[in-house]
Amino acid sequence: MRLNTRLSLLGTAIASLGAVAYVGVASASTVIVSDGFSGTNGAAVNGRTPDGVDLPGSTWQVGQQNAGGTSPMTIDTLVGNPAPSVSTNYNDAAGISIASVNGYTEPSVLTISADLNIGTIHGGSLSYNKYGEGLGFWGTVPTNGQNSFTGFTGIAIDPYGDLTFINNGTATSVTAAAPSSATISNGYITGFNTLTYSVDTTTGTITQLVFDGTNLTSDFSSAAASSTGAPTFAGFYSDEPYTTNATGYVDNFSVSTTSPVPEPASLILLATAGVGLLWVGRKNGGNRRKRGAL
């Protein structure tokens, strides 16, 4: 095959590879992990593979375990937004690794979202703050003997629908009252309420916080994590200080980003294109040497 023909074919191939690579390195919102928690009623969440996107190739890790080693977090096919969802217990934490691995690179800006339902996590007259349900990040998922919010950084929703910024397991003074869009019954927030926010892991700042359709970003403009850098786990917790019979629910969990996320398939294609260019260069050089010898 003549050199100009090979160059023409290779040029077409590289153009196609470039188009595929552009899809793999997205500038629009890219989902990193998503889970709608489909499955059999009563199935354990611990060790579960997400039913949606899973770029890191991770499984869920539930820190607290019941006696005998069984997981307190299970799939509930009767409740959800829509059903199924995760049924949480009185002191549960579930995290999934979003750390860089196998060609996937964790971005610096993350958007986390989930539908949260306080359920019967009501407790007594305690000043709640971090009690209720939380959505955010850990370096390490808490284990037995620890509170579910140990080491947690993110946003917690208490049984009244109020929001609090939790910094490394400690409730801060950065809060917001339950929005008027939330449904309050007998003093408690009811039903599923969607919480979404973005965090810049370089600066620790929180932006674009929306709860139950109400933008509360300005209330959390002063929120900043004391520890910056890429978190290892993203997930949620529930915590009820008074009873072991309380149950909450979590559904439609996702972590995404607007930063470029190189995916393994795209990197392989780009490497293939590079090998092709090297091959053409060598063939071209060889032809020139042959003509010079003649």
Protein backbone atom coordinates (compact mmCIF):
# COMPACT_ATOMS: atom_id res chain seq x y z
CA MET A 1 0.00 0.00 0.00
CA ARG A 2 1.39 3.41 -0.93
CA LEU A 3 2.38 5.87 1.77
CA ASN A 4 -0.19 8.51 0.80
CA THR A 5 -2.95 5.87 0.97
CA ARG A 6 -1.78 4.76 4.42
CA LEU A 7 -1.70 8.37 5.60
CA SER A 8 -5.23 8.96 4.33
CA LEU A 9 -6.58 5.89 6.11
CA LEU A 10 -4.72 6.72 9.31
CA GLY A 11 -6.01 10.29 9.20
CA THR A 12 -9.59 9.01 9.01
CA ALA A 13 -8.94 6.63 11.92
CA ILE A 14 -7.42 9.37 14.08
CA ALA A 15 -10.36 11.67 13.38
CA SER A 16 -12.71 8.91 14.57
CA LEU A 17 -10.58 8.28 17.65
CA GLY A 18 -10.58 11.97 18.44
CA ALA A 19 -14.37 12.06 18.31
CA VAL A 20 -14.61 9.10 20.70
CA ALA A 21 -11.97 10.58 23.01
CA TYR A 22 -13.92 13.82 23.15
CA VAL A 23 -16.90 11.89 24.46
CA GLY A 24 -14.72 10.15 27.08
CA VAL A 25 -13.24 13.42 28.35
CA ALA A 26 -16.46 15.26 29.00
CA SER A 27 -16.80 18.96 29.66
CA ALA A 28 -20.51 18.62 30.42
CA SER A 29 -21.77 16.95 33.58
CA THR A 30 -20.25 13.50 33.93
CA VAL A 31 -21.77 10.97 36.33
CA ILE A 32 -19.14 9.18 38.41
CA VAL A 33 -21.40 6.94 40.51
CA SER A 34 -25.18 6.48 40.51
CA ASP A 35 -27.46 4.01 42.24
CA GLY A 36 -31.25 3.67 42.26
CA PHE A 37 -30.96 0.71 44.68
CA SER A 38 -32.84 -1.85 42.64
CA GLY A 39 -32.76 -5.40 43.95
CA THR A 40 -34.44 -7.94 46.16
CA ASN A 41 -36.29 -6.79 49.24
CA GLY A 42 -34.05 -7.15 52.30
CA ALA A 43 -30.83 -7.49 50.29
CA ALA A 44 -27.78 -6.05 52.06
CA VAL A 45 -26.26 -2.81 50.78
CA ASN A 46 -22.80 -3.75 52.06
CA GLY A 47 -20.77 -5.06 49.11
CA ARG A 48 -23.38 -3.96 46.58
CA THR A 49 -22.40 -2.80 43.08
CA PRO A 50 -24.35 0.32 41.97
CA ASP A 51 -27.07 -0.39 39.40
CA GLY A 52 -26.18 2.76 37.43
CA VAL A 53 -22.81 4.31 36.62
CA ASP A 54 -19.68 3.18 38.47
CA LEU A 55 -16.55 4.71 36.92
CA PRO A 56 -14.24 3.75 39.85
CA GLY A 57 -15.57 0.17 39.80
CA SER A 58 -16.40 0.35 43.51
CA THR A 59 -18.90 -1.36 45.81
CA TRP A 60 -20.79 0.03 48.79
CA GLN A 61 -19.21 -0.23 52.21
CA VAL A 62 -21.49 -0.14 55.26
CA GLY A 63 -19.50 0.65 58.38
CA GLN A 64 -21.85 -0.52 61.10
CA GLN A 65 -22.82 -4.18 61.24
CA ASN A 66 -25.44 -5.97 63.32
CA ALA A 67 -24.51 -8.81 65.68
CA GLY A 68 -23.42 -11.73 63.56
CA GLY A 69 -21.93 -9.47 60.88
CA THR A 70 -25.12 -8.76 58.93
CA SER A 71 -25.66 -5.32 57.41
CA PRO A 72 -28.28 -3.01 58.98
CA MET A 73 -28.77 -1.21 55.64
CA THR A 74 -30.98 -3.13 53.24
CA ILE A 75 -33.00 -2.69 50.05
CA ASP A 76 -36.69 -1.84 50.60
CA THR A 77 -38.85 -2.54 47.55
CA LEU A 78 -41.95 -0.98 49.10
CA VAL A 79 -40.60 2.53 49.76
CA GLY A 80 -38.76 4.91 47.44
CA ASN A 81 -38.93 7.84 45.07
CA PRO A 82 -40.09 5.70 43.35
CA ALA A 83 -39.48 2.36 45.10
CA PRO A 84 -37.09 0.75 45.81
CA SER A 85 -34.72 2.57 48.16
CA VAL A 86 -32.24 1.93 50.97
CA SER A 87 -33.67 1.41 54.44
CA THR A 88 -31.32 2.90 57.03
CA ASN A 89 -31.15 2.12 60.73
CA TYR A 90 -30.54 4.26 63.80
CA ASN A 91 -26.74 4.50 63.43
CA ASP A 92 -25.72 3.66 59.87
CA ALA A 93 -23.14 4.95 57.42
CA ALA A 94 -22.69 3.82 53.82
CA GLY A 95 -19.87 4.99 51.57
CA ILE A 96 -18.61 4.14 48.11
CA SER A 97 -15.07 4.87 46.97
CA ILE A 98 -14.66 7.64 44.40
CA ALA A 99 -10.85 7.62 44.63
CA SER A 100 -8.72 7.59 41.47
CA VAL A 101 -8.12 4.10 40.09
CA ASN A 102 -7.37 2.27 36.82
CA GLY A 103 -7.32 5.28 34.50
CA TYR A 104 -10.22 7.06 36.24
CA THR A 105 -9.11 10.28 37.97
CA GLU A 106 -11.19 11.78 40.75
CA PRO A 107 -12.05 15.38 39.82
CA SER A 108 -11.57 18.32 42.18
CA VAL A 109 -15.17 19.55 41.90
CA LEU A 110 -17.88 17.09 42.92
CA THR A 111 -21.68 17.32 42.89
CA ILE A 112 -23.50 14.93 45.21
CA SER A 113 -27.24 14.29 45.21
CA ALA A 114 -29.79 11.96 46.82
CA ASP A 115 -33.43 11.76 47.87
CA LEU A 116 -33.60 11.62 51.66
CA ASN A 117 -36.52 10.55 53.85
CA ILE A 118 -36.20 11.01 57.63
CA GLY A 119 -38.88 8.37 58.22
CA THR A 120 -39.12 7.68 61.94
CA ILE A 121 -35.77 9.22 62.90
CA HIS A 122 -37.35 11.62 65.38
CA GLY A 123 -35.75 11.11 68.79
CA GLY A 124 -36.63 13.47 71.61
CA SER A 125 -36.01 17.12 72.44
CA LEU A 126 -32.24 16.98 71.80
CA SER A 127 -30.73 19.80 69.75
CA TYR A 128 -30.35 17.75 66.60
CA ASN A 129 -27.74 19.41 64.36
CA LYS A 130 -26.00 16.31 63.01
CA TYR A 131 -28.76 13.87 64.01
CA GLY A 132 -31.06 12.78 61.21
CA GLU A 133 -29.61 12.01 57.77
CA GLY A 134 -26.43 13.30 56.16
CA LEU A 135 -25.14 13.39 52.59
CA GLY A 136 -21.45 13.93 51.96
CA PHE A 137 -17.96 12.50 52.22
CA TRP A 138 -15.49 10.58 54.41
CA GLY A 139 -11.84 9.68 54.33
CA THR A 140 -12.82 6.41 56.02
CA VAL A 141 -16.32 5.02 56.55
CA PRO A 142 -17.08 4.71 60.31
CA THR A 143 -16.97 1.24 61.82
CA ASN A 144 -18.70 -0.47 64.74
CA GLY A 145 -18.41 1.49 67.96
CA GLN A 146 -18.28 4.85 66.16
CA ASN A 147 -21.05 7.33 65.48
CA SER A 148 -22.20 7.24 61.87
CA PHE A 149 -21.09 10.85 61.34
CA THR A 150 -17.53 10.27 62.60
CA GLY A 151 -15.15 11.95 60.13
CA PHE A 152 -18.07 13.05 57.96
CA THR A 153 -18.02 16.32 56.02
CA GLY A 154 -21.15 17.45 54.27
CA ILE A 155 -24.76 18.47 54.90
CA ALA A 156 -27.09 16.95 57.50
CA ILE A 157 -30.88 17.25 57.63
CA ASP A 158 -32.48 16.98 61.06
CA PRO A 159 -36.03 15.68 61.72
CA TYR A 160 -37.39 19.25 61.55
CA GLY A 161 -36.02 19.77 58.03
CA ASP A 162 -33.25 22.16 59.12
CA LEU A 163 -29.85 21.82 57.44
CA THR A 164 -26.41 21.96 59.09
CA PHE A 165 -22.90 21.92 57.65
CA ILE A 166 -20.93 19.11 59.33
CA ASN A 167 -17.16 19.56 59.29
CA ASN A 168 -15.16 16.39 60.00
CA GLY A 169 -17.88 15.00 62.25
CA THR A 170 -18.58 18.24 64.11
CA ALA A 171 -21.74 20.30 63.69
CA THR A 172 -20.96 23.92 62.76
CA SER A 173 -22.95 27.13 63.14
CA VAL A 174 -23.52 27.25 59.37
CA THR A 175 -27.18 26.27 59.07
CA ALA A 176 -30.42 26.89 57.18
CA ALA A 177 -34.02 26.54 58.29
CA ALA A 178 -36.33 24.12 56.52
CA PRO A 179 -37.50 25.77 53.27
CA SER A 180 -41.17 26.56 52.81
CA SER A 181 -41.26 24.03 49.99
CA ALA A 182 -40.72 21.17 52.47
CA THR A 183 -43.71 19.32 53.87
CA ILE A 184 -43.84 19.52 57.67
CA SER A 185 -46.28 17.36 59.65
CA ASN A 186 -46.52 17.42 63.45
CA GLY A 187 -43.26 19.37 63.50
CA TYR A 188 -41.29 16.83 61.42
CA ILE A 189 -40.27 16.90 57.78
CA THR A 190 -41.97 14.15 55.78
CA GLY A 191 -41.56 12.31 52.50
CA PHE A 192 -38.57 12.24 50.18
CA ASN A 193 -36.66 15.49 49.78
CA THR A 194 -33.88 15.92 47.21
CA LEU A 195 -30.60 17.39 48.43
CA THR A 196 -27.96 18.43 45.88
CA TYR A 197 -24.79 20.44 46.30
CA SER A 198 -21.31 20.88 44.84
CA VAL A 199 -18.01 20.98 46.70
CA ASP A 200 -14.61 22.15 45.55
CA THR A 201 -12.23 19.73 47.25
CA THR A 202 -9.32 22.10 46.67
CA THR A 203 -10.83 24.94 48.70
CA GLY A 204 -13.43 22.99 50.71
CA THR A 205 -16.21 25.40 49.72
CA ILE A 206 -19.82 24.42 49.05
CA THR A 207 -21.86 25.87 46.17
CA GLN A 208 -25.12 25.24 44.30
CA LEU A 209 -26.91 23.81 47.33
CA VAL A 210 -30.54 23.03 46.56
CA PHE A 211 -32.91 21.30 49.00
CA ASP A 212 -36.43 20.30 48.06
CA GLY A 213 -36.27 22.66 45.06
CA THR A 214 -35.13 25.67 47.11
CA ASN A 215 -31.70 27.21 46.50
CA LEU A 216 -29.94 27.63 49.85
CA THR A 217 -26.45 28.36 48.52
CA SER A 218 -26.25 31.77 50.17
CA ASP A 219 -26.88 30.22 53.60
CA PHE A 220 -23.78 28.08 53.19
CA SER A 221 -21.47 30.62 51.58
CA SER A 222 -19.23 30.56 54.67
CA ALA A 223 -19.06 26.75 54.81
CA ALA A 224 -15.58 25.40 54.19
CA ALA A 225 -14.10 22.05 55.12
CA SER A 226 -11.11 22.23 57.44
CA SER A 227 -9.51 19.34 55.61
CA THR A 228 -9.17 19.76 51.85
CA GLY A 229 -8.11 17.31 49.17
CA ALA A 230 -9.86 14.49 47.38
CA PRO A 231 -12.18 12.50 49.70
CA THR A 232 -12.04 8.72 49.47
CA PHE A 233 -15.71 7.92 50.02
CA ALA A 234 -19.02 9.53 49.13
CA GLY A 235 -22.25 8.43 50.76
CA PHE A 236 -24.84 8.99 53.46
CA TYR A 237 -25.59 8.30 57.08
CA SER A 238 -28.51 8.18 59.50
CA ASP A 239 -28.33 8.77 63.23
CA GLU A 240 -31.03 8.58 65.89
CA PRO A 241 -29.84 9.33 69.43
CA TYR A 242 -32.66 7.73 71.42
CA THR A 243 -34.05 4.56 69.88
CA THR A 244 -32.73 1.59 67.91
CA ASN A 245 -36.06 1.15 66.10
CA ALA A 246 -35.86 4.28 63.94
CA THR A 247 -35.82 3.88 60.15
CA GLY A 248 -35.00 6.32 57.37
CA TYR A 249 -34.68 5.97 53.60
CA VAL A 250 -32.29 7.06 50.85
CA ASP A 251 -32.89 6.86 47.09
CA ASN A 252 -31.41 8.01 43.75
CA PHE A 253 -27.86 8.58 44.94
CA SER A 254 -25.34 10.10 42.54
CA VAL A 255 -21.95 11.80 42.39
CA SER A 256 -21.08 13.78 39.26
CA THR A 257 -18.77 16.53 38.04
CA THR A 258 -18.46 19.20 35.37
CA SER A 259 -14.68 18.71 35.32
CA PRO A 260 -13.14 16.54 32.57
CA VAL A 261 -12.94 12.90 33.65
CA PRO A 262 -10.61 10.79 31.46
CA GLU A 263 -12.01 7.28 31.19
CA PRO A 264 -9.86 4.17 30.55
CA ALA A 265 -11.37 3.44 27.10
CA SER A 266 -10.56 6.93 25.86
CA LEU A 267 -6.98 6.72 27.09
CA ILE A 268 -6.51 3.40 25.26
CA LEU A 269 -7.83 4.88 22.02
CA LEU A 270 -5.51 7.86 22.27
CA ALA A 271 -2.56 5.55 22.90
CA THR A 272 -3.53 3.53 19.81
CA ALA A 273 -3.53 6.68 17.70
CA GLY A 274 -0.06 7.52 19.00
CA VAL A 275 1.26 4.09 17.99
CA GLY A 276 -0.24 4.59 14.53
CA LEU A 277 1.53 7.92 14.11
CA LEU A 278 4.83 6.34 15.18
CA TRP A 279 4.37 3.54 12.63
CA VAL A 280 3.75 5.99 9.79
CA GLY A 281 6.80 8.03 10.77
CA ARG A 282 9.03 4.97 10.69
CA LYS A 283 7.65 3.78 7.34
CA ASN A 284 8.02 7.25 5.89
CA GLY A 285 11.63 7.47 7.08
CA GLY A 286 12.39 4.03 5.68
CA ASN A 287 11.05 4.98 2.25
CA ARG A 288 13.21 8.12 2.19
CA ARG A 289 16.32 6.06 3.02
CA LYS A 290 15.54 3.61 0.23
CA ARG A 291 15.13 6.41 -2.35
CA GLY A 292 18.40 7.97 -1.19
CA ALA A 293 20.23 4.67 -1.66
CA LEU A 294 18.96 4.45 -5.24
